[in-house]
Amino acid sequence: MLPEKKVTAATLAGAIATILVWVLHLTGVDIPSEVAAAITTVLAAVAGYMAPHTHRPDLEKPAPEASVAR
């Protein structure tokens, strides 16, 4: 089974934010760890929200049954 697109997008955004903070640190920009964590959290949430939902045919709603007159 393939991973959910929303989970993949949020994970990648978190990794990219972490790498970005590390690169900024190498260039002399000092970012407090709390701010780095907040940036990572916000970017992961936005990426997860904006990513499309992965269609899973195994979770489709069952077809409605024909109504039976009582």
N, C-alpha and C. Protein backbone atom coordinates (compact mmCIF):
# COMPACT_ATOMS: atom_id res chain seq x y z
N MET A 1 0.84 -1.16 0.00
CA MET A 1 0.00 0.00 0.00
C MET A 1 0.90 1.24 0.00
N LEU A 2 0.55 2.20 -0.81
CA LEU A 2 1.31 3.44 -0.89
C LEU A 2 0.98 4.35 0.28
N PRO A 3 1.94 5.16 0.72
CA PRO A 3 1.64 6.07 1.83
C PRO A 3 0.67 7.17 1.42
N GLU A 4 -0.02 7.68 2.38
CA GLU A 4 -0.95 8.79 2.16
C GLU A 4 -0.16 10.01 1.70
N LYS A 5 -0.66 10.70 0.67
CA LYS A 5 0.04 11.87 0.12
C LYS A 5 0.18 12.97 1.17
N LYS A 6 -0.83 13.12 2.02
CA LYS A 6 -0.79 14.15 3.05
C LYS A 6 0.33 13.88 4.06
N VAL A 7 0.52 12.63 4.43
CA VAL A 7 1.57 12.27 5.37
C VAL A 7 2.94 12.48 4.74
N THR A 8 3.08 12.09 3.48
CA THR A 8 4.34 12.26 2.77
C THR A 8 4.70 13.75 2.66
N ALA A 9 3.73 14.58 2.31
CA ALA A 9 3.98 16.02 2.17
C ALA A 9 4.39 16.65 3.50
N ALA A 10 3.70 16.27 4.57
CA ALA A 10 4.03 16.83 5.88
C ALA A 10 5.42 16.38 6.34
N THR A 11 5.76 15.13 6.08
CA THR A 11 7.08 14.62 6.46
C THR A 11 8.19 15.33 5.70
N LEU A 12 8.00 15.50 4.40
CA LEU A 12 9.00 16.19 3.60
C LEU A 12 9.15 17.65 4.03
N ALA A 13 8.03 18.31 4.31
CA ALA A 13 8.09 19.70 4.75
C ALA A 13 8.86 19.82 6.07
N GLY A 14 8.64 18.90 6.98
CA GLY A 14 9.37 18.91 8.24
C GLY A 14 10.86 18.73 8.04
N ALA A 15 11.23 17.82 7.15
CA ALA A 15 12.65 17.58 6.86
C ALA A 15 13.28 18.79 6.18
N ILE A 16 12.57 19.39 5.24
CA ILE A 16 13.09 20.56 4.54
C ILE A 16 13.27 21.73 5.51
N ALA A 17 12.31 21.93 6.40
CA ALA A 17 12.42 23.01 7.39
C ALA A 17 13.63 22.78 8.29
N THR A 18 13.85 21.55 8.70
CA THR A 18 15.00 21.24 9.55
C THR A 18 16.32 21.52 8.83
N ILE A 19 16.40 21.12 7.57
CA ILE A 19 17.61 21.37 6.78
C ILE A 19 17.80 22.88 6.57
N LEU A 20 16.72 23.60 6.32
CA LEU A 20 16.80 25.04 6.15
C LEU A 20 17.34 25.73 7.40
N VAL A 21 16.85 25.33 8.56
CA VAL A 21 17.34 25.91 9.81
C VAL A 21 18.82 25.59 10.00
N TRP A 22 19.24 24.38 9.66
CA TRP A 22 20.64 23.98 9.77
C TRP A 22 21.52 24.83 8.86
N VAL A 23 21.07 25.04 7.60
CA VAL A 23 21.84 25.84 6.65
C VAL A 23 21.92 27.29 7.16
N LEU A 24 20.84 27.82 7.66
CA LEU A 24 20.86 29.18 8.21
C LEU A 24 21.85 29.27 9.38
N HIS A 25 21.89 28.23 10.20
CA HIS A 25 22.84 28.21 11.31
C HIS A 25 24.29 28.23 10.79
N LEU A 26 24.55 27.50 9.71
CA LEU A 26 25.90 27.48 9.13
C LEU A 26 26.30 28.85 8.60
N THR A 27 25.32 29.64 8.16
CA THR A 27 25.62 30.97 7.62
C THR A 27 25.68 32.03 8.70
N GLY A 28 25.51 31.62 9.96
CA GLY A 28 25.63 32.56 11.06
C GLY A 28 24.32 33.09 11.61
N VAL A 29 23.20 32.67 11.06
CA VAL A 29 21.90 33.10 11.56
C VAL A 29 21.55 32.21 12.75
N ASP A 30 21.32 32.84 13.89
CA ASP A 30 21.00 32.08 15.11
C ASP A 30 19.48 32.04 15.30
N ILE A 31 18.92 30.86 15.19
CA ILE A 31 17.48 30.67 15.37
C ILE A 31 17.29 29.84 16.63
N PRO A 32 16.53 30.37 17.60
CA PRO A 32 16.27 29.59 18.81
C PRO A 32 15.58 28.26 18.47
N SER A 33 15.85 27.24 19.25
CA SER A 33 15.28 25.92 18.96
C SER A 33 13.76 25.93 18.99
N GLU A 34 13.17 26.75 19.86
CA GLU A 34 11.71 26.83 19.93
C GLU A 34 11.13 27.38 18.62
N VAL A 35 11.81 28.37 18.06
CA VAL A 35 11.35 28.96 16.79
C VAL A 35 11.54 27.96 15.66
N ALA A 36 12.66 27.24 15.65
CA ALA A 36 12.90 26.22 14.63
C ALA A 36 11.83 25.14 14.69
N ALA A 37 11.46 24.73 15.89
CA ALA A 37 10.41 23.72 16.04
C ALA A 37 9.06 24.26 15.56
N ALA A 38 8.78 25.52 15.85
CA ALA A 38 7.52 26.13 15.41
C ALA A 38 7.48 26.24 13.89
N ILE A 39 8.58 26.63 13.27
CA ILE A 39 8.64 26.71 11.80
C ILE A 39 8.38 25.34 11.19
N THR A 40 9.02 24.33 11.74
CA THR A 40 8.84 22.97 11.24
C THR A 40 7.39 22.52 11.38
N THR A 41 6.79 22.79 12.52
CA THR A 41 5.40 22.40 12.76
C THR A 41 4.45 23.10 11.81
N VAL A 42 4.62 24.39 11.63
CA VAL A 42 3.73 25.16 10.76
C VAL A 42 3.86 24.70 9.31
N LEU A 43 5.10 24.54 8.83
CA LEU A 43 5.28 24.10 7.45
C LEU A 43 4.73 22.69 7.22
N ALA A 44 4.90 21.81 8.18
CA ALA A 44 4.35 20.45 8.05
C ALA A 44 2.83 20.49 8.02
N ALA A 45 2.22 21.31 8.87
CA ALA A 45 0.76 21.41 8.90
C ALA A 45 0.22 21.98 7.59
N VAL A 46 0.86 23.01 7.07
CA VAL A 46 0.41 23.62 5.81
C VAL A 46 0.56 22.63 4.66
N ALA A 47 1.69 21.94 4.60
CA ALA A 47 1.91 20.97 3.52
C ALA A 47 0.90 19.83 3.61
N GLY A 48 0.64 19.34 4.81
CA GLY A 48 -0.35 18.27 4.97
C GLY A 48 -1.75 18.71 4.61
N TYR A 49 -2.07 19.94 4.93
CA TYR A 49 -3.41 20.47 4.61
C TYR A 49 -3.58 20.65 3.10
N MET A 50 -2.54 21.12 2.44
CA MET A 50 -2.65 21.44 1.01
C MET A 50 -2.49 20.23 0.10
N ALA A 51 -1.88 19.17 0.59
CA ALA A 51 -1.68 17.98 -0.25
C ALA A 51 -3.01 17.29 -0.52
N PRO A 52 -3.15 16.72 -1.70
CA PRO A 52 -4.40 16.03 -2.02
C PRO A 52 -4.53 14.73 -1.22
N HIS A 53 -5.76 14.34 -1.00
CA HIS A 53 -6.04 13.08 -0.31
C HIS A 53 -5.75 11.91 -1.25
N THR A 54 -5.18 10.86 -0.73
CA THR A 54 -4.93 9.67 -1.52
C THR A 54 -6.20 8.82 -1.57
N HIS A 55 -6.68 8.58 -2.78
CA HIS A 55 -7.88 7.76 -2.94
C HIS A 55 -7.56 6.32 -2.59
N ARG A 56 -8.37 5.73 -1.73
CA ARG A 56 -8.17 4.34 -1.34
C ARG A 56 -9.44 3.55 -1.66
N PRO A 57 -9.39 2.79 -2.74
CA PRO A 57 -10.59 2.05 -3.15
C PRO A 57 -11.05 1.04 -2.10
N ASP A 58 -10.14 0.59 -1.23
CA ASP A 58 -10.55 -0.38 -0.22
C ASP A 58 -11.41 0.27 0.87
N LEU A 59 -11.49 1.59 0.87
CA LEU A 59 -12.31 2.28 1.88
C LEU A 59 -13.56 2.91 1.28
N GLU A 60 -13.91 2.53 0.05
CA GLU A 60 -15.10 3.10 -0.57
C GLU A 60 -16.34 2.68 0.20
N LYS A 61 -17.30 3.58 0.23
CA LYS A 61 -18.56 3.28 0.90
C LYS A 61 -19.28 2.18 0.13
N PRO A 62 -19.92 1.27 0.84
CA PRO A 62 -20.66 0.22 0.13
C PRO A 62 -21.84 0.83 -0.64
N ALA A 63 -22.18 0.17 -1.72
CA ALA A 63 -23.31 0.64 -2.52
C ALA A 63 -24.57 0.57 -1.68
N PRO A 64 -25.45 1.57 -1.85
CA PRO A 64 -26.69 1.56 -1.06
C PRO A 64 -27.55 0.35 -1.46
N GLU A 65 -28.13 -0.26 -0.46
CA GLU A 65 -28.99 -1.42 -0.73
C GLU A 65 -30.36 -0.94 -1.21
N ALA A 66 -30.96 -1.76 -2.02
CA ALA A 66 -32.31 -1.42 -2.51
C ALA A 66 -33.24 -1.39 -1.31
N SER A 67 -34.07 -0.36 -1.26
CA SER A 67 -35.00 -0.27 -0.11
C SER A 67 -36.07 -1.35 -0.22
N VAL A 68 -36.32 -1.94 0.89
CA VAL A 68 -37.29 -3.01 0.97
C VAL A 68 -38.56 -2.48 1.62
N ALA A 69 -39.68 -2.65 0.91
CA ALA A 69 -40.96 -2.18 1.47
C ALA A 69 -41.35 -3.07 2.62
N ARG A 70 -41.79 -2.47 3.71
CA ARG A 70 -42.19 -3.25 4.88
C ARG A 70 -43.64 -3.09 5.13
